[in-house]
Structure formats: C-alpha cells, structure tokens
N, C-alpha and C. Protein backbone atom coordinates (compact mmCIF):
# COMPACT_ATOMS: atom_id res chain seq x y z
N MET A 1 -22.67 49.74 -20.42
CA MET A 1 -21.78 49.00 -19.54
C MET A 1 -22.59 47.92 -18.82
N SER A 2 -22.13 46.70 -18.95
CA SER A 2 -22.86 45.61 -18.31
C SER A 2 -22.14 45.20 -17.02
N LEU A 3 -22.96 44.83 -16.08
CA LEU A 3 -22.41 44.34 -14.82
C LEU A 3 -22.34 42.83 -14.91
N GLN A 4 -21.14 42.31 -14.85
CA GLN A 4 -20.96 40.88 -14.95
C GLN A 4 -20.59 40.34 -13.57
N LYS A 5 -21.31 39.33 -13.17
CA LYS A 5 -21.05 38.73 -11.87
C LYS A 5 -19.81 37.85 -11.99
N SER A 6 -18.84 38.10 -11.13
CA SER A 6 -17.63 37.29 -11.18
C SER A 6 -17.72 36.16 -10.17
N HIS A 7 -17.16 35.05 -10.54
CA HIS A 7 -17.14 33.89 -9.67
C HIS A 7 -15.70 33.67 -9.22
N LYS A 8 -15.53 33.55 -7.93
CA LYS A 8 -14.20 33.29 -7.40
C LYS A 8 -13.91 31.80 -7.55
N SER A 9 -12.73 31.51 -8.01
CA SER A 9 -12.31 30.13 -8.18
C SER A 9 -11.38 29.74 -7.03
N TYR A 10 -11.62 28.58 -6.45
CA TYR A 10 -10.82 28.10 -5.33
C TYR A 10 -10.04 26.87 -5.77
N PRO A 11 -8.79 26.76 -5.34
CA PRO A 11 -8.02 25.57 -5.68
C PRO A 11 -8.63 24.32 -5.03
N GLN A 12 -8.43 23.18 -5.65
CA GLN A 12 -8.99 21.92 -5.13
C GLN A 12 -8.48 21.65 -3.72
N GLU A 13 -7.26 21.97 -3.44
CA GLU A 13 -6.70 21.74 -2.10
C GLU A 13 -7.48 22.53 -1.03
N PHE A 14 -7.87 23.75 -1.35
CA PHE A 14 -8.65 24.58 -0.44
C PHE A 14 -10.01 23.92 -0.19
N LYS A 15 -10.64 23.45 -1.26
CA LYS A 15 -11.95 22.80 -1.15
C LYS A 15 -11.85 21.55 -0.27
N ASP A 16 -10.80 20.76 -0.52
CA ASP A 16 -10.61 19.53 0.26
C ASP A 16 -10.41 19.83 1.74
N GLU A 17 -9.60 20.82 2.03
CA GLU A 17 -9.36 21.19 3.42
C GLU A 17 -10.64 21.70 4.09
N ALA A 18 -11.43 22.45 3.35
CA ALA A 18 -12.69 22.96 3.89
C ALA A 18 -13.63 21.81 4.24
N VAL A 19 -13.72 20.83 3.35
CA VAL A 19 -14.59 19.68 3.59
C VAL A 19 -14.07 18.86 4.77
N LEU A 20 -12.76 18.70 4.87
CA LEU A 20 -12.19 17.92 5.97
C LEU A 20 -12.43 18.59 7.32
N MET A 21 -12.53 19.91 7.33
CA MET A 21 -12.87 20.60 8.58
C MET A 21 -14.21 20.10 9.11
N VAL A 22 -15.12 19.83 8.20
CA VAL A 22 -16.47 19.38 8.58
C VAL A 22 -16.49 17.87 8.84
N THR A 23 -15.90 17.11 7.94
CA THR A 23 -16.02 15.66 8.02
C THR A 23 -15.11 15.01 9.04
N GLU A 24 -13.95 15.63 9.31
CA GLU A 24 -13.00 14.98 10.21
C GLU A 24 -12.64 15.79 11.45
N GLN A 25 -12.79 17.10 11.40
CA GLN A 25 -12.35 17.93 12.52
C GLN A 25 -13.50 18.40 13.41
N GLY A 26 -14.73 18.05 13.05
CA GLY A 26 -15.85 18.33 13.93
C GLY A 26 -16.48 19.72 13.81
N TYR A 27 -16.05 20.50 12.82
CA TYR A 27 -16.68 21.81 12.62
C TYR A 27 -18.05 21.62 11.99
N SER A 28 -18.97 22.51 12.29
CA SER A 28 -20.23 22.52 11.55
C SER A 28 -19.95 23.21 10.22
N VAL A 29 -20.83 23.02 9.27
CA VAL A 29 -20.66 23.66 7.96
C VAL A 29 -20.63 25.18 8.13
N SER A 30 -21.53 25.70 8.95
CA SER A 30 -21.58 27.16 9.12
C SER A 30 -20.32 27.70 9.79
N GLU A 31 -19.78 26.96 10.79
CA GLU A 31 -18.55 27.40 11.45
C GLU A 31 -17.37 27.40 10.48
N ALA A 32 -17.24 26.31 9.73
CA ALA A 32 -16.13 26.19 8.78
C ALA A 32 -16.23 27.26 7.69
N ALA A 33 -17.42 27.44 7.15
CA ALA A 33 -17.61 28.42 6.10
C ALA A 33 -17.28 29.83 6.60
N LYS A 34 -17.74 30.16 7.77
CA LYS A 34 -17.49 31.48 8.33
C LYS A 34 -15.99 31.70 8.55
N SER A 35 -15.30 30.70 9.09
CA SER A 35 -13.87 30.86 9.36
C SER A 35 -13.06 30.97 8.07
N LEU A 36 -13.57 30.40 6.98
CA LEU A 36 -12.87 30.45 5.70
C LEU A 36 -13.31 31.61 4.82
N GLY A 37 -14.37 32.29 5.22
CA GLY A 37 -14.86 33.43 4.44
C GLY A 37 -15.60 33.02 3.17
N ILE A 38 -16.28 31.87 3.23
CA ILE A 38 -17.07 31.42 2.09
C ILE A 38 -18.50 31.21 2.54
N GLY A 39 -19.40 31.07 1.59
CA GLY A 39 -20.80 30.85 1.90
C GLY A 39 -21.07 29.40 2.29
N THR A 40 -22.07 29.21 3.13
CA THR A 40 -22.41 27.85 3.56
C THR A 40 -22.90 27.00 2.38
N SER A 41 -23.63 27.62 1.46
CA SER A 41 -24.14 26.83 0.32
C SER A 41 -23.00 26.30 -0.53
N LEU A 42 -21.92 27.08 -0.65
CA LEU A 42 -20.77 26.64 -1.42
C LEU A 42 -20.10 25.45 -0.73
N LEU A 43 -19.94 25.53 0.58
CA LEU A 43 -19.32 24.43 1.32
C LEU A 43 -20.21 23.18 1.29
N TYR A 44 -21.52 23.35 1.38
CA TYR A 44 -22.42 22.20 1.25
C TYR A 44 -22.25 21.55 -0.12
N LYS A 45 -22.10 22.36 -1.15
CA LYS A 45 -21.92 21.84 -2.51
C LYS A 45 -20.64 21.01 -2.60
N TRP A 46 -19.54 21.54 -2.05
CA TRP A 46 -18.27 20.81 -2.05
C TRP A 46 -18.39 19.52 -1.25
N LYS A 47 -19.07 19.58 -0.10
CA LYS A 47 -19.23 18.41 0.76
C LYS A 47 -20.07 17.34 0.07
N ASP A 48 -21.14 17.75 -0.59
CA ASP A 48 -21.98 16.80 -1.32
C ASP A 48 -21.18 16.09 -2.41
N LYS A 49 -20.35 16.84 -3.12
CA LYS A 49 -19.52 16.27 -4.17
C LYS A 49 -18.51 15.29 -3.56
N TYR A 50 -17.90 15.67 -2.45
CA TYR A 50 -16.95 14.82 -1.74
C TYR A 50 -17.63 13.53 -1.29
N ASP A 51 -18.81 13.67 -0.68
CA ASP A 51 -19.55 12.50 -0.19
C ASP A 51 -19.91 11.56 -1.34
N ALA A 52 -20.35 12.11 -2.46
CA ALA A 52 -20.74 11.30 -3.61
C ALA A 52 -19.54 10.53 -4.16
N GLN A 53 -18.39 11.16 -4.19
CA GLN A 53 -17.19 10.48 -4.69
C GLN A 53 -16.74 9.38 -3.74
N HIS A 54 -16.80 9.64 -2.45
CA HIS A 54 -16.33 8.66 -1.49
C HIS A 54 -17.33 7.55 -1.23
N ILE A 55 -18.60 7.84 -1.30
CA ILE A 55 -19.62 6.80 -1.16
C ILE A 55 -19.53 5.86 -2.35
N GLY A 56 -19.30 6.42 -3.53
CA GLY A 56 -19.12 5.60 -4.73
C GLY A 56 -17.94 4.67 -4.59
N CYS A 57 -16.85 5.15 -4.01
CA CYS A 57 -15.67 4.32 -3.79
C CYS A 57 -15.98 3.21 -2.81
N ASP A 58 -16.68 3.54 -1.73
CA ASP A 58 -17.02 2.55 -0.72
C ASP A 58 -17.94 1.48 -1.30
N ASN A 59 -18.93 1.90 -2.07
CA ASN A 59 -19.84 0.93 -2.67
C ASN A 59 -19.11 0.03 -3.65
N HIS A 60 -18.18 0.59 -4.40
CA HIS A 60 -17.42 -0.19 -5.36
C HIS A 60 -16.58 -1.24 -4.62
N SER A 61 -15.96 -0.85 -3.53
CA SER A 61 -15.15 -1.78 -2.74
C SER A 61 -16.01 -2.89 -2.15
N ILE A 62 -17.19 -2.55 -1.67
CA ILE A 62 -18.10 -3.54 -1.10
C ILE A 62 -18.54 -4.53 -2.18
N LEU A 63 -18.92 -4.02 -3.33
CA LEU A 63 -19.35 -4.89 -4.42
C LEU A 63 -18.21 -5.79 -4.88
N LYS A 64 -17.03 -5.23 -4.97
CA LYS A 64 -15.86 -5.99 -5.40
C LYS A 64 -15.58 -7.12 -4.41
N SER A 65 -15.66 -6.84 -3.10
CA SER A 65 -15.40 -7.87 -2.11
C SER A 65 -16.49 -8.95 -2.14
N LYS A 66 -17.72 -8.58 -2.44
CA LYS A 66 -18.81 -9.57 -2.51
C LYS A 66 -18.60 -10.48 -3.72
N ILE A 67 -18.13 -9.91 -4.82
CA ILE A 67 -17.90 -10.70 -6.03
C ILE A 67 -16.81 -11.74 -5.78
N PHE A 68 -15.75 -11.33 -5.11
CA PHE A 68 -14.65 -12.25 -4.85
C PHE A 68 -15.02 -13.35 -3.85
N ARG A 69 -16.00 -13.10 -3.00
CA ARG A 69 -16.43 -14.12 -2.05
C ARG A 69 -17.26 -15.21 -2.70
N VAL A 70 -17.86 -14.91 -3.83
CA VAL A 70 -18.77 -15.87 -4.48
C VAL A 70 -18.04 -16.93 -5.20
C-alpha cells in the first residue's frame, strides 16, 4: 500500500479573493492565509503569479502608450 500525497485544488475565484485580501484589503500574507486555512507559501505563490500577470499588463500598457506618442 502506497501513501500518496493529495493536493487540494482551489477554485480560481478563491485564489483571487485570497490575493485581494493582501493586495487591496491590507491583510498580511500570514493573516490572510491563517484566516483562510491555507499555508503562507501557497498564498505567496498565488500572489507572485498575480503580480507577474498584472505587472506584465502594466508594462504592456506603458510600452503601448510610448509607441503611440512617437
């Protein structure tokens, strides 16, 4: 009998709400993670992914506006 580690899957909406607790509502990562019953490393991972997606959007918008000004 093998022991297989199971991974809990969270809906994207849950992940987004968790990240927004940190980015917009002023919770620390540890406070938000504790209140949601998840690990801090998992929330940091979601936040890093969120930041990368949104920073990419911001950079794209900045570059696009610079191109149109030229």
